[in-house]
């Protein structure tokens, strides 16, 4: 087995391209009740970049290894481990730092997953919670979301279609319309001041009871204006870095509800049973070929600076992922 591993490290917050470096560290050894996981894949999510920049609610002790999400193969076990076996494919906890070749982790924090489901933890799990926790939707009901071409947005489209819900998907570029329709989006519209009128026309003025906001600012307000009275807008991202500004009329005359979710906090507070209750339908969908994560490019860990620069670009067609090989 390798005597050392590569790991991405930062010692200060700032632009990820400037502050990240790759260093060699000793191959991890498991303490009692720990497992050593050799990484297979780790996506670069917006939250990863925000944490490196110092803009995330949780700041790790520095120096730190980034990476909220990842999956790998168990290759070694410490004494007393009974819940996982060598060779199992597992999802890692989000507070561990996944941008490294291998790591030791408490075995009871690992989730054993079927092959092909390595990137279900953040975006599909977020999508499932958004669709399950806030509004009691029935088959044929409508929901609306912005940033529909994001990884979470695509997961919403795929899960909603499976559950029989209809989606209005708001994007910023015309070229995304046919692509998201092909993935199952019922209505795909380019954002703009006339969004409400376009939504009414496209849905035959059907009531929309759930809005999913990953952008904030004016985009979130346009979503709120599309909702039926007593509906709910759930915020789970802030891509525009602009706050929600909700006019009094939407509260007084439409009695809208405004909620938020931070999936890492939900995961921390959930029991093992609650986590698995959420993962099971996602595993089942993934095994049937649904919930595919679109990847634009994969990078080796040694090209971390190029990878995070690529991930920070707009107008991408998919995720940027670290791949670790065999």
Protein backbone atom coordinates (compact mmCIF):
# COMPACT_ATOMS: atom_id res chain seq x y z
CA UNK A 1 0.00 0.00 0.00
CA UNK A 2 1.16 3.57 -0.63
CA UNK A 3 3.32 5.08 2.09
CA UNK A 4 1.98 8.60 1.49
CA UNK A 5 -1.01 10.38 0.00
CA UNK A 6 -1.68 13.67 -1.76
CA UNK A 7 -4.00 16.10 0.01
CA UNK A 8 -5.28 19.57 -0.86
CA UNK A 9 -4.60 22.01 1.98
CA UNK A 10 -5.21 25.69 2.73
CA UNK A 11 -3.69 27.65 5.61
CA UNK A 12 -5.62 30.89 5.17
CA UNK A 13 -8.94 31.93 3.67
CA UNK A 14 -9.03 33.60 0.28
CA UNK A 15 -9.39 32.97 -3.43
CA UNK A 16 -9.15 29.15 -3.75
CA UNK A 17 -6.75 29.42 -6.69
CA UNK A 18 -4.38 31.46 -4.53
CA UNK A 19 -4.58 29.66 -1.18
CA UNK A 20 -4.78 25.96 -2.11
CA UNK A 21 -1.75 23.72 -2.37
CA UNK A 22 -1.20 19.97 -2.68
CA UNK A 23 1.02 18.32 -0.10
CA UNK A 24 2.09 14.79 0.74
CA UNK A 25 0.90 13.27 4.01
CA UNK A 26 1.41 9.87 5.63
CA UNK A 27 -0.93 7.06 4.64
CA UNK A 28 -3.67 7.01 7.34
CA UNK A 29 -3.88 4.28 9.95
CA UNK A 30 -7.23 3.44 11.56
CA UNK A 31 -7.73 3.89 15.28
CA UNK A 32 -10.25 1.62 17.03
CA UNK A 33 -13.74 2.01 15.51
CA UNK A 34 -12.31 3.79 12.46
CA UNK A 35 -12.12 2.79 8.81
CA UNK A 36 -9.62 3.91 6.18
CA UNK A 37 -11.36 5.00 2.99
CA UNK A 38 -9.50 5.34 -0.30
CA UNK A 39 -11.24 8.06 -2.30
CA UNK A 40 -12.83 7.44 -5.68
CA UNK A 41 -14.58 10.75 -6.44
CA UNK A 42 -15.19 14.14 -4.82
CA UNK A 43 -17.21 16.88 -6.52
CA UNK A 44 -16.45 20.58 -6.14
CA UNK A 45 -19.60 22.21 -4.79
CA UNK A 46 -20.22 25.96 -4.30
CA UNK A 47 -20.11 25.42 -0.53
CA UNK A 48 -16.55 24.08 -0.84
CA UNK A 49 -15.40 27.27 -2.54
CA UNK A 50 -17.29 29.42 -0.04
CA UNK A 51 -15.63 27.69 2.89
CA UNK A 52 -12.16 28.17 1.42
CA UNK A 53 -12.99 31.85 0.85
CA UNK A 54 -14.11 32.21 4.47
CA UNK A 55 -17.74 32.93 3.49
CA UNK A 56 -19.29 29.74 4.87
CA UNK A 57 -21.05 29.64 8.28
CA UNK A 58 -18.64 26.98 9.55
CA UNK A 59 -14.91 27.67 9.51
CA UNK A 60 -12.58 24.75 10.18
CA UNK A 61 -9.42 25.03 12.21
CA UNK A 62 -6.55 25.93 9.87
CA UNK A 63 -4.67 24.42 8.15
CA UNK A 64 -7.62 22.52 6.70
CA UNK A 65 -8.46 20.04 3.94
CA UNK A 66 -11.56 21.09 1.93
CA UNK A 67 -14.31 18.92 0.51
CA UNK A 68 -17.82 18.44 1.91
CA UNK A 69 -18.75 15.49 -0.30
CA UNK A 70 -17.13 12.35 -1.61
CA UNK A 71 -17.18 8.60 -1.86
CA UNK A 72 -14.58 5.90 -1.68
CA UNK A 73 -13.74 2.28 -0.92
CA UNK A 74 -13.06 0.96 2.56
CA UNK A 75 -9.53 -0.48 2.50
CA UNK A 76 -8.67 -0.99 6.17
CA UNK A 77 -10.51 -1.37 9.47
CA UNK A 78 -9.61 -0.60 13.05
CA UNK A 79 -10.53 -2.79 15.97
CA UNK A 80 -14.22 -3.00 16.84
CA UNK A 81 -15.68 -2.03 13.43
CA UNK A 82 -18.74 -4.09 12.55
CA UNK A 83 -20.96 -1.88 10.38
CA UNK A 84 -18.78 -1.78 7.25
CA UNK A 85 -16.48 -4.25 5.49
CA UNK A 86 -13.33 -3.87 3.43
CA UNK A 87 -14.35 -3.30 -0.18
CA UNK A 88 -17.59 -1.41 0.62
CA UNK A 89 -18.38 1.75 -1.35
CA UNK A 90 -19.23 4.47 1.15
CA UNK A 91 -20.32 8.10 1.31
CA UNK A 92 -18.24 10.18 3.70
CA UNK A 93 -19.44 12.65 6.35
CA UNK A 94 -19.36 16.30 5.31
CA UNK A 95 -17.06 17.56 8.10
CA UNK A 96 -14.06 15.40 7.26
CA UNK A 97 -12.32 16.98 4.22
CA UNK A 98 -12.60 14.75 1.15
CA UNK A 99 -9.99 16.31 -1.15
CA UNK A 100 -7.30 13.74 -0.36
CA UNK A 101 -6.38 10.29 -1.59
CA UNK A 102 -7.30 8.45 1.62
CA UNK A 103 -8.47 9.21 5.14
CA UNK A 104 -9.38 7.58 8.42
CA UNK A 105 -12.93 8.23 9.64
CA UNK A 106 -15.26 6.97 12.35
CA UNK A 107 -16.89 3.92 10.85
CA UNK A 108 -20.34 4.73 12.23
CA UNK A 109 -20.36 7.99 10.21
CA UNK A 110 -20.08 6.13 6.89
CA UNK A 111 -23.07 5.28 4.69
CA UNK A 112 -22.68 2.18 2.55
CA UNK A 113 -24.07 2.84 -0.93
CA UNK A 114 -24.71 0.85 -4.12
CA UNK A 115 -22.37 1.26 -7.07
CA UNK A 116 -23.07 4.35 -9.13
CA UNK A 117 -24.53 6.39 -6.25
CA UNK A 118 -21.39 8.13 -5.04
CA UNK A 119 -22.60 11.73 -5.45
CA UNK A 120 -26.06 11.52 -3.86
CA UNK A 121 -25.24 13.15 -0.56
CA UNK A 122 -25.59 16.88 -1.18
CA UNK A 123 -27.57 17.75 -4.30
CA UNK A 124 -30.03 14.81 -4.65
CA UNK A 125 -30.48 14.72 -0.86
CA UNK A 126 -31.18 18.46 -0.88
CA UNK A 127 -33.67 17.99 -3.71
CA UNK A 128 -35.43 15.18 -1.84
CA UNK A 129 -35.77 17.27 1.33
CA UNK A 130 -37.02 20.28 -0.66
CA UNK A 131 -39.75 18.18 -2.26
CA UNK A 132 -40.69 16.20 0.85
CA UNK A 133 -40.49 18.54 3.84
CA UNK A 134 -42.40 21.75 3.16
CA UNK A 135 -45.54 21.31 1.05
CA UNK A 136 -47.73 18.21 0.77
CA UNK A 137 -47.63 17.94 -3.01
CA UNK A 138 -49.83 15.54 -4.93
CA UNK A 139 -49.34 14.07 -8.38
CA UNK A 140 -49.99 16.75 -10.98
CA UNK A 141 -49.15 19.65 -8.64
CA UNK A 142 -46.77 22.36 -9.84
CA UNK A 143 -43.60 23.75 -8.32
CA UNK A 144 -41.19 26.41 -9.59
CA UNK A 145 -37.42 26.73 -9.16
CA UNK A 146 -34.64 29.05 -10.27
CA UNK A 147 -31.08 27.94 -11.12
CA UNK A 148 -32.76 24.88 -12.62
CA UNK A 149 -29.60 23.90 -14.51
CA UNK A 150 -27.58 23.53 -11.29
CA UNK A 151 -26.86 20.06 -9.92
CA UNK A 152 -29.55 20.48 -7.28
CA UNK A 153 -31.98 21.86 -9.84
CA UNK A 154 -31.47 18.91 -12.17
CA UNK A 155 -32.02 16.55 -9.24
CA UNK A 156 -35.28 18.36 -8.45
CA UNK A 157 -36.42 17.85 -12.05
CA UNK A 158 -35.60 14.14 -12.02
CA UNK A 159 -37.11 13.39 -8.59
CA UNK A 160 -40.21 15.52 -9.21
CA UNK A 161 -40.85 13.73 -12.48
CA UNK A 162 -40.55 10.37 -10.72
CA UNK A 163 -43.04 11.51 -8.04
CA UNK A 164 -45.49 12.89 -10.60
CA UNK A 165 -45.01 16.60 -9.82
CA UNK A 166 -44.78 19.18 -12.58
CA UNK A 167 -41.89 21.65 -12.67
CA UNK A 168 -41.43 25.20 -13.92
CA UNK A 169 -37.69 25.60 -14.36
CA UNK A 170 -36.19 29.08 -14.56
CA UNK A 171 -32.79 29.59 -16.18
CA UNK A 172 -30.71 32.48 -17.46
CA UNK A 173 -29.71 31.11 -20.88
CA UNK A 174 -31.84 30.14 -23.86
CA UNK A 175 -29.54 27.24 -24.79
CA UNK A 176 -30.55 25.39 -21.60
CA UNK A 177 -34.23 25.12 -22.51
CA UNK A 178 -34.10 22.06 -24.77
CA UNK A 179 -31.54 20.35 -22.52
CA UNK A 180 -33.67 20.62 -19.36
CA UNK A 181 -36.83 19.66 -21.22
CA UNK A 182 -35.04 16.51 -22.36
CA UNK A 183 -34.17 15.76 -18.72
CA UNK A 184 -37.85 15.93 -17.76
CA UNK A 185 -38.57 19.60 -17.07
CA UNK A 186 -42.22 20.29 -17.93
CA UNK A 187 -41.72 24.02 -18.50
CA UNK A 188 -38.35 25.76 -18.94
CA UNK A 189 -38.29 29.57 -19.11
CA UNK A 190 -35.63 32.26 -19.26
CA UNK A 191 -35.78 34.55 -16.24
CA UNK A 192 -36.91 38.14 -16.72
CA UNK A 193 -39.33 40.83 -15.62
CA UNK A 194 -42.18 39.11 -17.47
CA UNK A 195 -41.64 35.77 -15.74
CA UNK A 196 -45.02 35.78 -13.98
CA UNK A 197 -46.93 36.24 -17.23
CA UNK A 198 -44.90 33.55 -19.00
CA UNK A 199 -45.49 31.11 -16.13
CA UNK A 200 -49.23 31.75 -16.15
CA UNK A 201 -49.36 31.11 -19.88
CA UNK A 202 -47.20 27.97 -19.78
CA UNK A 203 -49.14 26.38 -16.89
CA UNK A 204 -52.64 27.57 -17.90
CA UNK A 205 -52.59 29.64 -14.69
CA UNK A 206 -52.35 26.54 -12.50
CA UNK A 207 -51.67 27.24 -8.80
CA UNK A 208 -48.02 26.84 -7.85
CA UNK A 209 -47.65 25.98 -4.17
CA UNK A 210 -43.89 25.47 -3.81
CA UNK A 211 -40.99 27.67 -4.91
CA UNK A 212 -37.34 26.65 -4.61
CA UNK A 213 -34.83 29.50 -4.48
CA UNK A 214 -31.09 29.03 -4.96
CA UNK A 215 -30.35 32.55 -6.20
CA UNK A 216 -31.88 35.24 -3.97
CA UNK A 217 -32.31 38.90 -4.88
CA UNK A 218 -34.67 39.83 -7.71
CA UNK A 219 -34.86 36.25 -8.97
CA UNK A 220 -36.31 35.08 -5.65
CA UNK A 221 -38.88 37.89 -5.72
CA UNK A 222 -39.98 36.87 -9.22
CA UNK A 223 -40.47 33.31 -7.97
CA UNK A 224 -42.53 34.56 -5.03
CA UNK A 225 -44.74 36.55 -7.40
CA UNK A 226 -45.52 33.32 -9.28
CA UNK A 227 -46.78 31.49 -6.19
CA UNK A 228 -50.41 30.94 -5.23
CA UNK A 229 -51.70 32.37 -1.92
CA UNK A 230 -50.55 30.51 1.22
CA UNK A 231 -47.68 28.89 -0.68
CA UNK A 232 -44.09 28.36 0.45
CA UNK A 233 -40.76 29.62 -0.88
CA UNK A 234 -37.77 27.60 0.34
CA UNK A 235 -34.31 29.12 0.05
CA UNK A 236 -31.30 26.80 -0.09
CA UNK A 237 -28.72 28.89 -1.95
CA UNK A 238 -27.66 32.45 -2.62
CA UNK A 239 -25.89 32.43 -5.97
CA UNK A 240 -26.52 36.13 -6.59
CA UNK A 241 -25.15 37.04 -3.14
CA UNK A 242 -28.17 39.36 -2.86
CA UNK A 243 -30.70 39.20 0.02
CA UNK A 244 -34.38 38.40 -0.32
CA UNK A 245 -36.46 41.58 -0.33
CA UNK A 246 -40.09 40.60 0.12
CA UNK A 247 -42.75 43.30 -0.33
CA UNK A 248 -45.33 43.59 2.46
CA UNK A 249 -48.11 42.82 -0.02
CA UNK A 250 -46.86 39.27 -0.51
CA UNK A 251 -47.06 38.67 3.23
CA UNK A 252 -50.34 40.49 3.83
CA UNK A 253 -52.39 39.62 0.77
CA UNK A 254 -50.87 36.28 -0.27
CA UNK A 255 -49.81 35.02 3.18
CA UNK A 256 -46.69 33.39 1.75
CA UNK A 257 -44.36 31.28 3.90
CA UNK A 258 -40.60 31.71 3.65
CA UNK A 259 -38.40 28.86 4.80
CA UNK A 260 -34.78 27.81 4.46
CA UNK A 261 -32.71 24.64 4.55
CA UNK A 262 -29.04 23.96 5.17
CA UNK A 263 -28.59 20.32 4.21
CA UNK A 264 -25.47 19.83 6.34
CA UNK A 265 -27.38 20.90 9.46
CA UNK A 266 -30.28 18.59 8.55
CA UNK A 267 -27.80 15.74 8.13
CA UNK A 268 -26.15 16.44 11.49
CA UNK A 269 -29.50 16.52 13.31
CA UNK A 270 -30.95 13.43 11.59
CA UNK A 271 -30.70 9.99 13.12
CA UNK A 272 -29.13 7.14 11.16
CA UNK A 273 -32.66 5.86 10.48
CA UNK A 274 -33.82 9.26 9.18
CA UNK A 275 -30.79 9.53 6.90
CA UNK A 276 -31.37 6.08 5.47
CA UNK A 277 -35.10 6.78 5.00
CA UNK A 278 -34.03 9.64 2.72
CA UNK A 279 -31.26 7.73 0.98
CA UNK A 280 -33.28 4.58 0.15
CA UNK A 281 -35.55 6.13 -2.51
CA UNK A 282 -32.54 7.94 -3.96
CA UNK A 283 -30.56 4.71 -4.17
CA UNK A 284 -33.52 3.01 -5.82
CA UNK A 285 -33.86 5.80 -8.40
CA UNK A 286 -30.13 5.85 -9.09
CA UNK A 287 -30.05 2.09 -9.63
CA UNK A 288 -32.74 2.52 -12.28
CA UNK A 289 -30.59 5.03 -14.14
CA UNK A 290 -32.11 8.19 -12.71
CA UNK A 291 -30.31 10.93 -10.75
CA UNK A 292 -27.28 11.00 -13.00
CA UNK A 293 -24.86 13.77 -12.07
CA UNK A 294 -23.73 15.59 -15.18
CA UNK A 295 -19.95 16.03 -15.12
CA UNK A 296 -18.27 18.62 -17.31
CA UNK A 297 -14.70 17.66 -16.47
CA UNK A 298 -12.73 15.50 -14.05
CA UNK A 299 -9.35 16.47 -12.64
CA UNK A 300 -6.66 14.64 -10.71
CA UNK A 301 -5.99 16.01 -7.24
CA UNK A 302 -2.61 17.35 -8.38
CA UNK A 303 -4.46 19.84 -10.60
CA UNK A 304 -6.50 21.30 -7.75
CA UNK A 305 -5.90 24.94 -8.72
CA UNK A 306 -7.12 24.36 -12.27
CA UNK A 307 -10.10 22.40 -10.97
CA UNK A 308 -11.33 25.10 -8.58
CA UNK A 309 -10.79 27.79 -11.22
CA UNK A 310 -12.97 25.78 -13.60
CA UNK A 311 -15.60 25.17 -10.90
CA UNK A 312 -15.84 28.91 -10.22
CA UNK A 313 -16.73 29.70 -13.84
CA UNK A 314 -20.28 30.44 -14.89
CA UNK A 315 -22.04 28.83 -17.83
CA UNK A 316 -20.78 25.33 -17.07
CA UNK A 317 -22.67 22.32 -18.36
CA UNK A 318 -22.01 20.09 -15.34
CA UNK A 319 -20.02 19.39 -12.20
CA UNK A 320 -16.28 19.60 -11.78
CA UNK A 321 -15.05 16.47 -10.03
CA UNK A 322 -11.83 15.16 -8.57
CA UNK A 323 -11.13 11.58 -9.66
CA UNK A 324 -8.60 9.48 -7.84
CA UNK A 325 -8.14 6.45 -10.09
CA UNK A 326 -7.70 2.94 -8.77
